[in-house]
Every structure is written in C-alpha cells, then in structure tokens.
C-alpha cells in the first residue's frame, strides 16, 4: 500500500490514495495515509498502528477536522481532547485506526464556522446558529470513511464515538461496528451548553 502515485480505491469511489509515510508523535509512531476526494480535491488522512488488516475488529475513530479544537486548543468544543484520547488509545492497544476527515465545522467550512460562533456568542446554540445562516446542521459525509477503511483492509471496527450517525453510516455501508466505545473527554465550563445541545438536538449518546 505504499505507492507514490494516485490510486483510485475502487472504480465507483471518489477517493484516491496518494501516499503514505511515518508519523512520529508524542504518543508513539503512526503510519499516515493521504487520500483525495476527486470531486472537490479535498484531502483526508488515516493514521494507523499495528496489523490493521488482520481480520479482527480494529479499534478506531472517525474524526472530523476541527482547526479550532484540534490545533488552536479551543475550549468551545471537545474535539481536540477526543482526538488526543483516540491517538493515545490506539497506541496503547497496539493496533488501531483514526480516519481524519477534512470536514470542518460539521461540513460548513472554517469561515462559516466562525460566523456560526459569532451567533453562538450572541445566544444561539450550535444547531440554531447553522440554521440562522441558511446552512445544514450537519453536512458531513461519513461514507468517505468506508472507502478509506476498505483501502486499509478494515471491515470491522470497535468505534470510539458518541455520535449515532457515525455508527449508522458505517453499518449502512458495510462496515461491521462490533462495539461502540464512549469518548467523553474535554468537558469544561465553556462547552457545557454545546455538549448539552449535541445530546438534546443531535441525539449524541450519553453513555
């Protein structure tokens, strides 16, 4: 799976594998795979540890890009702590995968996310802010993760998530989610209302 040229994953898939490399981190070394969605040139990555194509259920997470949380350490959400916890967990397990989808702000993009944050500063919640901007509540496409997992030879996962939509989408596209592992980290006074809204309006799991 180490190639330096564009490789269509499947004839019907919009996702192409581009290249892979080592990624040493503070938690351990990953193999990082780069992919491109040919429809919009959007780039995605997967981080893997160990023998992921063994046929066993692989510990995994589907993580949507959050620049503010993942890279700028924002306390408005729990995204950064969730990514960190997932990276630690797969390293501790010795085998796992994190699919990192570049779908900022639940798919609305960074600048629209900033606009939505401004409305949240004025009193709207994360759902109503998107709707007030004429944007979808959640525009992410988790089916992309299925194509990436297929390329990596992963067909069964223990999924670290609180989001029922991720579980449903993977199962609907033929990925066997044998277990869901809660990922409740990063709670703080700044994101209490945000987390409550995800539970009440987006039906995120609480256990």
Protein backbone atom coordinates (compact mmCIF):
# COMPACT_ATOMS: atom_id res chain seq x y z
CA UNK A 1 0.00 0.00 0.00
CA UNK A 2 2.97 2.29 -0.25
CA UNK A 3 2.77 3.96 -3.62
CA UNK A 4 3.69 7.44 -4.75
CA UNK A 5 1.11 7.89 -7.47
CA UNK A 6 -2.62 8.48 -7.38
CA UNK A 7 -4.55 5.24 -7.00
CA UNK A 8 -8.33 5.03 -7.30
CA UNK A 9 -9.55 2.89 -4.41
CA UNK A 10 -12.49 1.48 -6.37
CA UNK A 11 -13.96 2.29 -9.75
CA UNK A 12 -17.03 3.86 -8.14
CA UNK A 13 -15.20 5.58 -5.28
CA UNK A 14 -14.47 9.32 -5.30
CA UNK A 15 -11.48 8.71 -3.00
CA UNK A 16 -7.94 8.20 -4.29
CA UNK A 17 -4.95 7.02 -2.27
CA UNK A 18 -1.95 9.33 -2.78
CA UNK A 19 0.93 8.31 -0.49
CA UNK A 20 1.88 7.09 2.98
CA UNK A 21 4.65 7.87 5.47
CA UNK A 22 5.79 7.54 9.09
CA UNK A 23 4.28 9.97 11.59
CA UNK A 24 6.14 10.02 14.93
CA UNK A 25 4.10 11.72 17.68
CA UNK A 26 4.35 12.24 21.42
CA UNK A 27 2.13 9.18 21.91
CA UNK A 28 4.01 6.90 19.52
CA UNK A 29 4.55 6.29 15.82
CA UNK A 30 1.71 6.06 13.31
CA UNK A 31 1.62 5.33 9.61
CA UNK A 32 -0.15 8.23 7.90
CA UNK A 33 -2.02 7.62 4.64
CA UNK A 34 -3.09 10.52 2.42
CA UNK A 35 -6.26 10.43 0.32
CA UNK A 36 -8.00 12.86 -2.02
CA UNK A 37 -11.68 13.23 -2.88
CA UNK A 38 -11.55 13.77 -6.65
CA UNK A 39 -14.91 15.56 -6.68
CA UNK A 40 -13.72 18.57 -4.69
CA UNK A 41 -9.95 17.97 -4.25
CA UNK A 42 -10.49 17.72 -0.52
CA UNK A 43 -7.68 15.93 1.29
CA UNK A 44 -8.17 13.37 4.08
CA UNK A 45 -5.81 11.20 6.11
CA UNK A 46 -5.79 7.98 8.11
CA UNK A 47 -3.44 7.19 10.98
CA UNK A 48 -2.80 3.52 11.68
CA UNK A 49 -0.93 1.41 14.23
CA UNK A 50 -0.17 -2.30 14.08
CA UNK A 51 -1.67 -5.08 11.95
CA UNK A 52 -4.94 -3.44 10.98
CA UNK A 53 -5.75 -5.93 8.20
CA UNK A 54 -5.73 -9.00 10.45
CA UNK A 55 -9.46 -9.53 10.09
CA UNK A 56 -10.09 -8.69 13.74
CA UNK A 57 -12.27 -5.78 14.83
CA UNK A 58 -9.93 -2.75 14.87
CA UNK A 59 -10.11 -0.02 17.49
CA UNK A 60 -10.93 3.11 15.53
CA UNK A 61 -12.27 6.63 15.34
CA UNK A 62 -13.75 8.71 12.53
CA UNK A 63 -12.69 12.26 13.41
CA UNK A 64 -13.87 15.37 11.59
CA UNK A 65 -11.39 18.20 11.26
CA UNK A 66 -11.72 20.95 13.86
CA UNK A 67 -8.96 23.52 13.44
CA UNK A 68 -10.11 25.49 16.46
CA UNK A 69 -10.17 22.46 18.74
CA UNK A 70 -7.51 20.19 17.25
CA UNK A 71 -4.82 22.80 16.58
CA UNK A 72 -5.80 26.00 18.42
CA UNK A 73 -6.87 24.29 21.68
CA UNK A 74 -10.31 25.89 21.80
CA UNK A 75 -12.49 25.05 24.82
CA UNK A 76 -15.69 25.71 22.86
CA UNK A 77 -15.88 22.03 21.87
CA UNK A 78 -14.48 18.66 22.90
CA UNK A 79 -12.87 17.82 19.53
CA UNK A 80 -9.22 18.29 20.47
CA UNK A 81 -9.41 16.16 23.62
CA UNK A 82 -11.31 13.47 21.68
CA UNK A 83 -8.60 13.31 19.01
CA UNK A 84 -5.87 13.16 21.63
CA UNK A 85 -7.69 10.44 23.57
CA UNK A 86 -8.17 8.39 20.39
CA UNK A 87 -4.49 8.67 19.44
CA UNK A 88 -3.48 7.56 22.92
CA UNK A 89 -5.97 4.69 22.89
CA UNK A 90 -4.85 3.12 19.59
CA UNK A 91 -1.22 3.38 20.66
CA UNK A 92 -2.00 1.69 23.97
CA UNK A 93 -3.96 -1.03 22.14
CA UNK A 94 -1.07 -1.59 19.74
CA UNK A 95 -3.45 -1.69 16.79
CA UNK A 96 -5.97 0.83 15.50
CA UNK A 97 -7.01 3.46 13.00
CA UNK A 98 -8.06 7.10 13.06
CA UNK A 99 -9.73 8.38 9.89
CA UNK A 100 -9.35 12.16 9.84
CA UNK A 101 -11.90 13.73 7.50
CA UNK A 102 -11.36 17.33 6.42
CA UNK A 103 -14.96 18.38 7.08
CA UNK A 104 -14.52 21.47 9.23
CA UNK A 105 -17.43 22.73 11.30
CA UNK A 106 -19.65 19.70 10.67
CA UNK A 107 -19.04 20.28 6.98
CA UNK A 108 -19.82 24.00 6.67
CA UNK A 109 -16.19 25.15 6.48
CA UNK A 110 -13.98 27.27 8.69
CA UNK A 111 -15.26 30.74 7.80
CA UNK A 112 -18.90 29.71 8.16
CA UNK A 113 -17.94 28.11 11.46
CA UNK A 114 -16.59 31.47 12.64
CA UNK A 115 -19.86 33.10 11.55
CA UNK A 116 -21.78 30.46 13.48
CA UNK A 117 -19.57 31.00 16.53
CA UNK A 118 -20.43 34.72 16.44
CA UNK A 119 -24.13 33.85 16.56
CA UNK A 120 -23.43 31.47 19.43
CA UNK A 121 -21.70 34.35 21.25
CA UNK A 122 -25.00 36.21 20.82
CA UNK A 123 -27.04 33.41 22.36
CA UNK A 124 -27.87 30.81 19.71
CA UNK A 125 -26.86 27.19 20.15
CA UNK A 126 -24.69 25.26 17.69
CA UNK A 127 -27.70 23.91 15.76
CA UNK A 128 -29.73 27.12 15.55
CA UNK A 129 -26.65 29.14 14.56
CA UNK A 130 -26.15 26.98 11.45
CA UNK A 131 -29.84 27.22 10.56
CA UNK A 132 -29.83 31.01 11.01
CA UNK A 133 -27.05 31.18 8.41
CA UNK A 134 -29.07 29.06 6.00
CA UNK A 135 -26.64 26.18 6.44
CA UNK A 136 -27.27 22.49 7.18
CA UNK A 137 -26.97 21.37 10.77
CA UNK A 138 -24.56 18.63 9.72
CA UNK A 139 -23.19 18.42 6.16
CA UNK A 140 -20.55 15.77 6.76
CA UNK A 141 -20.21 12.69 4.59
CA UNK A 142 -19.09 9.79 6.75
CA UNK A 143 -19.36 7.37 3.81
CA UNK A 144 -15.90 8.60 2.76
CA UNK A 145 -14.54 6.77 5.79
CA UNK A 146 -15.87 3.50 4.40
CA UNK A 147 -13.78 3.83 1.23
CA UNK A 148 -10.69 4.64 3.28
CA UNK A 149 -11.26 1.70 5.61
CA UNK A 150 -11.75 -0.56 2.59
CA UNK A 151 -8.40 0.52 1.20
CA UNK A 152 -6.73 -0.24 4.52
CA UNK A 153 -8.33 -3.69 4.62
CA UNK A 154 -10.51 -2.90 7.64
CA UNK A 155 -14.04 -4.30 7.62
CA UNK A 156 -14.84 -4.50 11.33
CA UNK A 157 -14.28 -1.82 13.97
CA UNK A 158 -14.66 -1.00 17.62
CA UNK A 159 -15.69 2.60 17.13
CA UNK A 160 -14.78 5.36 19.57
CA UNK A 161 -17.66 7.83 19.25
CA UNK A 162 -20.65 9.44 20.92
CA UNK A 163 -22.31 10.14 17.55
CA UNK A 164 -25.05 7.69 16.47
CA UNK A 165 -24.82 8.92 12.86
CA UNK A 166 -21.26 7.63 12.51
CA UNK A 167 -22.32 4.19 13.69
CA UNK A 168 -25.36 4.12 11.41
CA UNK A 169 -23.46 5.32 8.32
CA UNK A 170 -20.63 2.80 8.67
CA UNK A 171 -23.07 -0.04 9.23
CA UNK A 172 -25.20 1.05 6.27
CA UNK A 173 -22.10 0.98 4.05
CA UNK A 174 -20.96 -2.47 5.10
CA UNK A 175 -18.53 -1.77 7.95
CA UNK A 176 -19.29 -4.01 10.92
CA UNK A 177 -19.34 -1.88 14.08
CA UNK A 178 -18.99 -4.64 16.67
CA UNK A 179 -18.75 -2.27 19.60
CA UNK A 180 -19.18 1.43 20.35
CA UNK A 181 -16.76 2.90 22.86
CA UNK A 182 -17.85 6.16 24.54
CA UNK A 183 -15.45 9.08 24.27
CA UNK A 184 -16.45 11.58 26.94
CA UNK A 185 -13.45 13.85 27.45
CA UNK A 186 -12.73 17.56 27.38
CA UNK A 187 -15.78 18.80 29.25
CA UNK A 188 -15.34 22.31 30.68
CA UNK A 189 -17.49 25.33 31.60
CA UNK A 190 -17.05 26.85 28.12
CA UNK A 191 -18.56 23.89 26.25
CA UNK A 192 -21.29 22.71 28.64
CA UNK A 193 -24.09 24.24 26.54
CA UNK A 194 -22.55 22.92 23.31
CA UNK A 195 -22.35 19.37 24.68
CA UNK A 196 -25.90 19.59 26.04
CA UNK A 197 -27.14 20.69 22.60
CA UNK A 198 -25.43 17.74 20.92
CA UNK A 199 -27.24 15.41 23.31
CA UNK A 200 -30.64 17.10 23.10
CA UNK A 201 -30.79 18.03 19.40
CA UNK A 202 -28.26 15.75 17.69
CA UNK A 203 -29.08 12.76 19.91
CA UNK A 204 -25.47 12.01 20.86
CA UNK A 205 -25.01 9.14 23.26
CA UNK A 206 -24.52 9.99 26.94
CA UNK A 207 -23.03 6.64 27.97
